[in-house]
Amino acid sequence: MSPLFDVAAANAAGAAHGQLASALPDGIALSAHKLVEEGARAQLLILPGVVRIDVRPLPDGLQVVPRPLGGTELGWEVDQDAVTDYGKTALETELPAMVRFRLAFWGDAPLAGRLLVGYSTDDRHAPTHFVGHVVIRQVDADR
């Protein structure tokens, strides 16, 4: 298994943000939830040396920003089969809203994963409640 899937390091890196990490046979799962003020950008999930995932509530929706770490290259896309009301304004969206992303990382060991972000908000400009879960696995270089 990749040394990037260090559960203790992931728990330590995300502890201040309430992140929990779990080992998988060929990867790692990370989960967290957070209240974020409108317009503020906040870390939701982090896997040291691989990726940091930030979220930002906007008046008309949300912004999800996966940032590669440690020299990895990142490719990502919205999983259209798992979108619920993504692209609508916050007031038009049935809550909780959810969106799923596909992730791919190129580096010493190719990795792939899925990120699920759910969120709830209201029309009073109160904080948005985000829930995030990502599973990242090591894959064969030719997949």
N, C-alpha and C. Protein backbone atom coordinates (compact mmCIF):
# COMPACT_ATOMS: atom_id res chain seq x y z
N MET A 1 0.84 -1.18 0.00
CA MET A 1 0.00 0.00 0.00
C MET A 1 0.88 1.25 0.00
N SER A 2 0.39 2.29 -0.61
CA SER A 2 1.13 3.54 -0.71
C SER A 2 1.36 4.16 0.67
N PRO A 3 2.56 4.69 0.92
CA PRO A 3 2.81 5.40 2.18
C PRO A 3 1.98 6.68 2.29
N LEU A 4 1.36 7.11 1.19
CA LEU A 4 0.50 8.29 1.23
C LEU A 4 -0.78 8.03 2.03
N PHE A 5 -1.12 6.76 2.25
CA PHE A 5 -2.35 6.41 2.95
C PHE A 5 -2.10 6.21 4.45
N ASP A 6 -1.38 7.12 5.04
CA ASP A 6 -1.05 7.08 6.47
C ASP A 6 -2.23 7.65 7.26
N VAL A 7 -3.00 6.77 7.90
CA VAL A 7 -4.20 7.18 8.63
C VAL A 7 -3.85 8.14 9.76
N ALA A 8 -2.79 7.86 10.51
CA ALA A 8 -2.40 8.73 11.62
C ALA A 8 -2.05 10.13 11.12
N ALA A 9 -1.32 10.22 10.01
CA ALA A 9 -0.96 11.53 9.45
C ALA A 9 -2.19 12.27 8.95
N ALA A 10 -3.12 11.55 8.33
CA ALA A 10 -4.36 12.19 7.84
C ALA A 10 -5.21 12.67 9.01
N ASN A 11 -5.30 11.87 10.07
CA ASN A 11 -6.06 12.31 11.25
C ASN A 11 -5.41 13.53 11.89
N ALA A 12 -4.09 13.54 11.98
CA ALA A 12 -3.39 14.69 12.59
C ALA A 12 -3.57 15.94 11.74
N ALA A 13 -3.44 15.80 10.41
CA ALA A 13 -3.55 16.96 9.52
C ALA A 13 -4.95 17.56 9.53
N GLY A 14 -5.96 16.72 9.70
CA GLY A 14 -7.33 17.21 9.66
C GLY A 14 -8.00 17.35 11.02
N ALA A 15 -7.24 17.10 12.10
CA ALA A 15 -7.83 17.11 13.44
C ALA A 15 -8.50 18.43 13.80
N ALA A 16 -7.87 19.54 13.46
CA ALA A 16 -8.44 20.85 13.78
C ALA A 16 -9.72 21.12 13.01
N HIS A 17 -9.95 20.33 11.97
CA HIS A 17 -11.13 20.51 11.13
C HIS A 17 -12.14 19.39 11.32
N GLY A 18 -11.93 18.53 12.33
CA GLY A 18 -12.87 17.47 12.63
C GLY A 18 -12.82 16.30 11.67
N GLN A 19 -11.74 16.15 10.96
CA GLN A 19 -11.63 15.07 9.97
C GLN A 19 -11.35 13.73 10.65
N LEU A 20 -11.94 12.67 10.10
CA LEU A 20 -11.67 11.30 10.51
C LEU A 20 -11.16 10.54 9.30
N ALA A 21 -10.14 9.72 9.50
CA ALA A 21 -9.58 8.91 8.42
C ALA A 21 -9.73 7.44 8.77
N SER A 22 -10.00 6.63 7.75
CA SER A 22 -10.13 5.18 7.93
C SER A 22 -9.32 4.48 6.86
N ALA A 23 -8.62 3.42 7.26
CA ALA A 23 -7.84 2.63 6.31
C ALA A 23 -8.76 1.73 5.50
N LEU A 24 -8.43 1.58 4.23
CA LEU A 24 -9.09 0.64 3.34
C LEU A 24 -8.02 -0.33 2.84
N PRO A 25 -8.38 -1.51 2.35
CA PRO A 25 -7.36 -2.46 1.88
C PRO A 25 -6.42 -1.88 0.83
N ASP A 26 -6.93 -1.01 -0.03
CA ASP A 26 -6.10 -0.43 -1.10
C ASP A 26 -6.15 1.09 -1.12
N GLY A 27 -6.49 1.70 0.04
CA GLY A 27 -6.60 3.15 0.04
C GLY A 27 -6.97 3.70 1.40
N ILE A 28 -7.69 4.83 1.36
CA ILE A 28 -8.06 5.55 2.58
C ILE A 28 -9.39 6.25 2.35
N ALA A 29 -10.17 6.41 3.41
CA ALA A 29 -11.42 7.17 3.39
C ALA A 29 -11.29 8.31 4.39
N LEU A 30 -11.73 9.49 3.99
CA LEU A 30 -11.70 10.67 4.85
C LEU A 30 -13.11 11.23 4.94
N SER A 31 -13.51 11.66 6.13
CA SER A 31 -14.83 12.26 6.34
C SER A 31 -14.70 13.46 7.26
N ALA A 32 -15.53 14.48 7.04
CA ALA A 32 -15.57 15.65 7.91
C ALA A 32 -16.85 16.43 7.66
N HIS A 33 -17.17 17.29 8.61
CA HIS A 33 -18.26 18.24 8.40
C HIS A 33 -17.85 19.57 9.01
N LYS A 34 -18.43 20.64 8.50
CA LYS A 34 -17.99 21.96 8.92
C LYS A 34 -19.06 23.00 8.60
N LEU A 35 -19.19 24.00 9.46
CA LEU A 35 -20.01 25.18 9.20
C LEU A 35 -19.10 26.25 8.61
N VAL A 36 -19.51 26.84 7.48
CA VAL A 36 -18.68 27.84 6.80
C VAL A 36 -19.53 29.06 6.49
N GLU A 37 -19.04 30.22 6.86
CA GLU A 37 -19.73 31.48 6.58
C GLU A 37 -19.75 31.78 5.09
N GLU A 38 -20.80 32.41 4.61
CA GLU A 38 -20.91 32.76 3.19
C GLU A 38 -19.69 33.56 2.74
N GLY A 39 -19.09 33.16 1.64
CA GLY A 39 -17.94 33.84 1.07
C GLY A 39 -16.60 33.38 1.62
N ALA A 40 -16.60 32.70 2.77
CA ALA A 40 -15.35 32.22 3.35
C ALA A 40 -14.95 30.90 2.67
N ARG A 41 -13.67 30.70 2.51
CA ARG A 41 -13.15 29.45 1.95
C ARG A 41 -12.52 28.67 3.10
N ALA A 42 -12.89 27.39 3.24
CA ALA A 42 -12.41 26.60 4.37
C ALA A 42 -12.00 25.21 3.93
N GLN A 43 -11.00 24.68 4.61
CA GLN A 43 -10.58 23.31 4.37
C GLN A 43 -11.67 22.37 4.88
N LEU A 44 -12.05 21.41 4.05
CA LEU A 44 -13.00 20.38 4.47
C LEU A 44 -12.29 19.06 4.71
N LEU A 45 -11.41 18.66 3.77
CA LEU A 45 -10.69 17.39 3.86
C LEU A 45 -9.23 17.58 3.43
N ILE A 46 -8.34 16.77 4.00
CA ILE A 46 -6.94 16.82 3.59
C ILE A 46 -6.31 15.43 3.71
N LEU A 47 -5.56 15.07 2.68
CA LEU A 47 -4.70 13.88 2.71
C LEU A 47 -3.30 14.40 2.44
N PRO A 48 -2.44 14.45 3.48
CA PRO A 48 -1.11 15.03 3.31
C PRO A 48 -0.35 14.40 2.15
N GLY A 49 0.30 15.25 1.36
CA GLY A 49 1.07 14.81 0.22
C GLY A 49 0.26 14.47 -1.01
N VAL A 50 -1.09 14.55 -0.88
CA VAL A 50 -1.94 14.21 -2.02
C VAL A 50 -2.89 15.34 -2.38
N VAL A 51 -3.81 15.70 -1.48
CA VAL A 51 -4.84 16.67 -1.84
C VAL A 51 -5.41 17.36 -0.60
N ARG A 52 -5.79 18.60 -0.79
CA ARG A 52 -6.57 19.36 0.18
C ARG A 52 -7.84 19.79 -0.55
N ILE A 53 -8.98 19.60 0.08
CA ILE A 53 -10.26 19.96 -0.54
C ILE A 53 -10.89 21.07 0.28
N ASP A 54 -11.04 22.23 -0.37
CA ASP A 54 -11.65 23.40 0.25
C ASP A 54 -13.06 23.59 -0.29
N VAL A 55 -13.91 24.21 0.52
CA VAL A 55 -15.28 24.54 0.10
C VAL A 55 -15.53 26.02 0.40
N ARG A 56 -16.44 26.59 -0.37
CA ARG A 56 -16.78 28.00 -0.19
C ARG A 56 -18.24 28.20 -0.57
N PRO A 57 -19.09 28.57 0.40
CA PRO A 57 -20.48 28.87 0.05
C PRO A 57 -20.57 30.24 -0.63
N LEU A 58 -21.35 30.30 -1.67
CA LEU A 58 -21.57 31.53 -2.42
C LEU A 58 -23.06 31.85 -2.39
N PRO A 59 -23.43 33.11 -2.65
CA PRO A 59 -24.86 33.46 -2.64
C PRO A 59 -25.68 32.63 -3.64
N ASP A 60 -25.04 32.18 -4.71
CA ASP A 60 -25.78 31.45 -5.74
C ASP A 60 -25.33 29.99 -5.87
N GLY A 61 -24.73 29.42 -4.82
CA GLY A 61 -24.32 28.02 -4.88
C GLY A 61 -23.13 27.74 -4.01
N LEU A 62 -22.19 26.92 -4.54
CA LEU A 62 -21.01 26.57 -3.78
C LEU A 62 -19.82 26.44 -4.71
N GLN A 63 -18.64 26.49 -4.11
CA GLN A 63 -17.41 26.27 -4.84
C GLN A 63 -16.65 25.16 -4.10
N VAL A 64 -16.22 24.15 -4.85
CA VAL A 64 -15.41 23.06 -4.31
C VAL A 64 -14.06 23.15 -5.01
N VAL A 65 -12.98 23.22 -4.21
CA VAL A 65 -11.64 23.43 -4.76
C VAL A 65 -10.69 22.34 -4.28
N PRO A 66 -10.47 21.28 -5.09
CA PRO A 66 -9.44 20.32 -4.72
C PRO A 66 -8.07 20.84 -5.15
N ARG A 67 -7.11 20.85 -4.22
CA ARG A 67 -5.76 21.36 -4.52
C ARG A 67 -4.77 20.23 -4.35
N PRO A 68 -4.00 19.93 -5.40
CA PRO A 68 -2.99 18.87 -5.28
C PRO A 68 -1.86 19.32 -4.36
N LEU A 69 -1.30 18.37 -3.63
CA LEU A 69 -0.20 18.63 -2.71
C LEU A 69 0.97 17.71 -3.04
N GLY A 70 2.16 18.10 -2.67
CA GLY A 70 3.32 17.23 -2.77
C GLY A 70 3.73 16.88 -4.19
N GLY A 71 3.45 17.73 -5.14
CA GLY A 71 3.89 17.49 -6.50
C GLY A 71 3.00 16.57 -7.32
N THR A 72 1.88 16.13 -6.75
CA THR A 72 0.96 15.30 -7.55
C THR A 72 0.23 16.18 -8.55
N GLU A 73 -0.15 15.59 -9.67
CA GLU A 73 -1.01 16.27 -10.63
C GLU A 73 -2.42 15.77 -10.40
N LEU A 74 -3.39 16.64 -10.60
CA LEU A 74 -4.78 16.32 -10.29
C LEU A 74 -5.67 16.52 -11.50
N GLY A 75 -6.54 15.56 -11.74
CA GLY A 75 -7.62 15.71 -12.70
C GLY A 75 -8.91 15.43 -11.96
N TRP A 76 -9.96 16.22 -12.24
CA TRP A 76 -11.22 15.99 -11.55
C TRP A 76 -12.37 16.46 -12.40
N GLU A 77 -13.53 15.89 -12.15
CA GLU A 77 -14.74 16.26 -12.88
C GLU A 77 -15.95 15.96 -12.01
N VAL A 78 -17.04 16.65 -12.31
CA VAL A 78 -18.30 16.38 -11.65
C VAL A 78 -18.85 15.07 -12.19
N ASP A 79 -19.30 14.20 -11.31
CA ASP A 79 -19.95 12.95 -11.70
C ASP A 79 -21.41 13.29 -11.99
N GLN A 80 -21.76 13.39 -13.26
CA GLN A 80 -23.10 13.82 -13.65
C GLN A 80 -24.20 12.87 -13.18
N ASP A 81 -23.84 11.62 -12.91
CA ASP A 81 -24.84 10.67 -12.43
C ASP A 81 -25.19 10.88 -10.96
N ALA A 82 -24.45 11.70 -10.27
CA ALA A 82 -24.66 11.88 -8.83
C ALA A 82 -24.95 13.32 -8.46
N VAL A 83 -25.46 14.10 -9.38
CA VAL A 83 -25.71 15.51 -9.12
C VAL A 83 -27.16 15.70 -8.70
N THR A 84 -27.37 16.41 -7.61
CA THR A 84 -28.72 16.79 -7.22
C THR A 84 -28.78 18.30 -7.13
N ASP A 85 -29.38 18.91 -8.08
CA ASP A 85 -29.61 20.35 -8.10
C ASP A 85 -28.34 21.19 -8.18
N TYR A 86 -27.22 20.59 -8.57
CA TYR A 86 -25.98 21.36 -8.72
C TYR A 86 -26.18 22.35 -9.85
N GLY A 87 -25.81 23.57 -9.65
CA GLY A 87 -25.98 24.60 -10.66
C GLY A 87 -27.16 25.51 -10.40
N LYS A 88 -28.02 25.14 -9.45
CA LYS A 88 -29.13 26.03 -9.08
C LYS A 88 -28.66 26.96 -7.98
N THR A 89 -29.39 28.04 -7.77
CA THR A 89 -29.04 28.94 -6.67
C THR A 89 -29.38 28.25 -5.35
N ALA A 90 -28.82 28.77 -4.27
CA ALA A 90 -29.07 28.18 -2.95
C ALA A 90 -30.56 28.17 -2.62
N LEU A 91 -31.28 29.22 -3.00
CA LEU A 91 -32.71 29.27 -2.71
C LEU A 91 -33.52 28.30 -3.56
N GLU A 92 -33.01 27.90 -4.72
CA GLU A 92 -33.71 26.97 -5.61
C GLU A 92 -33.40 25.51 -5.32
N THR A 93 -32.40 25.26 -4.51
CA THR A 93 -31.89 23.91 -4.31
C THR A 93 -32.62 23.21 -3.18
N GLU A 94 -33.07 21.98 -3.46
CA GLU A 94 -33.64 21.15 -2.41
C GLU A 94 -32.50 20.72 -1.50
N LEU A 95 -32.73 20.77 -0.20
CA LEU A 95 -31.66 20.48 0.75
C LEU A 95 -31.86 19.15 1.44
N PRO A 96 -30.84 18.43 1.80
CA PRO A 96 -29.45 18.77 1.52
C PRO A 96 -29.11 18.53 0.06
N ALA A 97 -28.32 19.41 -0.51
CA ALA A 97 -27.86 19.25 -1.88
C ALA A 97 -26.60 18.41 -1.86
N MET A 98 -26.40 17.62 -2.91
CA MET A 98 -25.21 16.78 -2.98
C MET A 98 -24.62 16.81 -4.37
N VAL A 99 -23.31 16.69 -4.42
CA VAL A 99 -22.60 16.58 -5.69
C VAL A 99 -21.43 15.63 -5.47
N ARG A 100 -21.11 14.85 -6.49
CA ARG A 100 -20.01 13.90 -6.39
C ARG A 100 -19.02 14.21 -7.51
N PHE A 101 -17.75 14.05 -7.20
CA PHE A 101 -16.68 14.30 -8.15
C PHE A 101 -15.85 13.03 -8.31
N ARG A 102 -15.28 12.88 -9.51
CA ARG A 102 -14.27 11.85 -9.76
C ARG A 102 -12.91 12.54 -9.69
N LEU A 103 -11.95 11.87 -9.06
CA LEU A 103 -10.61 12.43 -8.90
C LEU A 103 -9.58 11.46 -9.44
N ALA A 104 -8.51 11.98 -10.03
CA ALA A 104 -7.37 11.17 -10.46
C ALA A 104 -6.11 11.94 -10.13
N PHE A 105 -5.11 11.22 -9.63
CA PHE A 105 -3.84 11.82 -9.25
C PHE A 105 -2.72 11.08 -9.97
N TRP A 106 -1.81 11.83 -10.56
CA TRP A 106 -0.64 11.25 -11.21
C TRP A 106 0.59 11.68 -10.45
N GLY A 107 1.41 10.73 -10.14
CA GLY A 107 2.65 10.96 -9.41
C GLY A 107 3.41 9.65 -9.35
N ASP A 108 4.12 9.42 -8.26
CA ASP A 108 4.86 8.17 -8.12
C ASP A 108 3.94 6.96 -8.14
N ALA A 109 2.78 7.09 -7.52
CA ALA A 109 1.79 6.01 -7.50
C ALA A 109 0.46 6.60 -7.95
N PRO A 110 -0.09 6.15 -9.09
CA PRO A 110 -1.37 6.72 -9.54
C PRO A 110 -2.49 6.37 -8.57
N LEU A 111 -3.34 7.36 -8.31
CA LEU A 111 -4.44 7.21 -7.38
C LEU A 111 -5.74 7.66 -8.07
N ALA A 112 -6.86 7.12 -7.60
CA ALA A 112 -8.16 7.53 -8.09
C ALA A 112 -9.13 7.57 -6.92
N GLY A 113 -10.15 8.39 -7.06
CA GLY A 113 -11.11 8.47 -5.96
C GLY A 113 -12.40 9.13 -6.35
N ARG A 114 -13.31 9.14 -5.38
CA ARG A 114 -14.59 9.82 -5.50
C ARG A 114 -14.80 10.68 -4.27
N LEU A 115 -15.28 11.88 -4.51
CA LEU A 115 -15.56 12.85 -3.46
C LEU A 115 -17.04 13.15 -3.46
N LEU A 116 -17.67 13.04 -2.30
CA LEU A 116 -19.08 13.40 -2.14
C LEU A 116 -19.15 14.60 -1.21
N VAL A 117 -19.81 15.66 -1.66
CA VAL A 117 -20.01 16.85 -0.84
C VAL A 117 -21.50 17.10 -0.75
N GLY A 118 -21.99 17.16 0.47
CA GLY A 118 -23.38 17.53 0.73
C GLY A 118 -23.39 18.83 1.49
N TYR A 119 -24.44 19.62 1.27
CA TYR A 119 -24.51 20.86 2.03
C TYR A 119 -25.95 21.29 2.25
N SER A 120 -26.14 22.03 3.35
CA SER A 120 -27.43 22.62 3.69
C SER A 120 -27.20 24.07 4.03
N THR A 121 -28.12 24.91 3.61
CA THR A 121 -28.04 26.35 3.90
C THR A 121 -29.45 26.89 4.04
N ASP A 122 -29.58 28.14 4.41
CA ASP A 122 -30.90 28.76 4.46
C ASP A 122 -30.82 30.13 3.81
N ASP A 123 -31.91 30.84 3.79
CA ASP A 123 -31.96 32.12 3.08
C ASP A 123 -31.63 33.31 3.97
N ARG A 124 -31.10 33.07 5.16
CA ARG A 124 -30.77 34.18 6.08
C ARG A 124 -29.29 34.48 6.11
N HIS A 125 -28.55 33.97 5.16
CA HIS A 125 -27.09 34.15 5.10
C HIS A 125 -26.40 33.59 6.33
N ALA A 126 -26.99 32.54 6.90
CA ALA A 126 -26.36 31.83 8.01
C ALA A 126 -25.26 30.94 7.45
N PRO A 127 -24.42 30.39 8.31
CA PRO A 127 -23.37 29.49 7.80
C PRO A 127 -23.96 28.31 7.04
N THR A 128 -23.21 27.83 6.07
CA THR A 128 -23.58 26.63 5.32
C THR A 128 -22.95 25.43 6.00
N HIS A 129 -23.72 24.38 6.15
CA HIS A 129 -23.21 23.15 6.75
C HIS A 129 -22.76 22.22 5.64
N PHE A 130 -21.47 21.93 5.59
CA PHE A 130 -20.89 21.03 4.59
C PHE A 130 -20.57 19.69 5.24
N VAL A 131 -20.79 18.63 4.49
CA VAL A 131 -20.39 17.28 4.87
C VAL A 131 -19.60 16.73 3.69
N GLY A 132 -18.40 16.23 3.95
CA GLY A 132 -17.56 15.71 2.87
C GLY A 132 -17.07 14.31 3.18
N HIS A 133 -16.97 13.52 2.12
CA HIS A 133 -16.44 12.16 2.24
C HIS A 133 -15.68 11.87 0.96
N VAL A 134 -14.44 11.43 1.10
CA VAL A 134 -13.65 11.06 -0.07
C VAL A 134 -13.02 9.69 0.18
N VAL A 135 -13.01 8.88 -0.87
CA VAL A 135 -12.32 7.60 -0.86
C VAL A 135 -11.27 7.68 -1.97
N ILE A 136 -10.01 7.42 -1.60
CA ILE A 136 -8.91 7.47 -2.55
C ILE A 136 -8.20 6.12 -2.51
N ARG A 137 -7.99 5.56 -3.71
CA ARG A 137 -7.37 4.23 -3.82
C ARG A 137 -6.20 4.28 -4.78
N GLN A 138 -5.26 3.37 -4.55
CA GLN A 138 -4.16 3.20 -5.49
C GLN A 138 -4.69 2.38 -6.67
N VAL A 139 -4.28 2.76 -7.89
CA VAL A 139 -4.73 2.05 -9.09
C VAL A 139 -3.51 1.68 -9.93
N ASP A 140 -3.72 0.77 -10.88
CA ASP A 140 -2.67 0.41 -11.82
C ASP A 140 -2.41 1.59 -12.76
N ALA A 141 -1.18 1.77 -13.17
CA ALA A 141 -0.80 2.90 -14.03
C ALA A 141 -1.52 2.84 -15.38
N ASP A 142 -1.91 1.67 -15.84
CA ASP A 142 -2.53 1.57 -17.16
C ASP A 142 -4.06 1.62 -17.10
N ARG A 143 -4.66 1.93 -15.94
CA ARG A 143 -6.11 2.05 -15.85
C ARG A 143 -6.53 3.47 -15.99
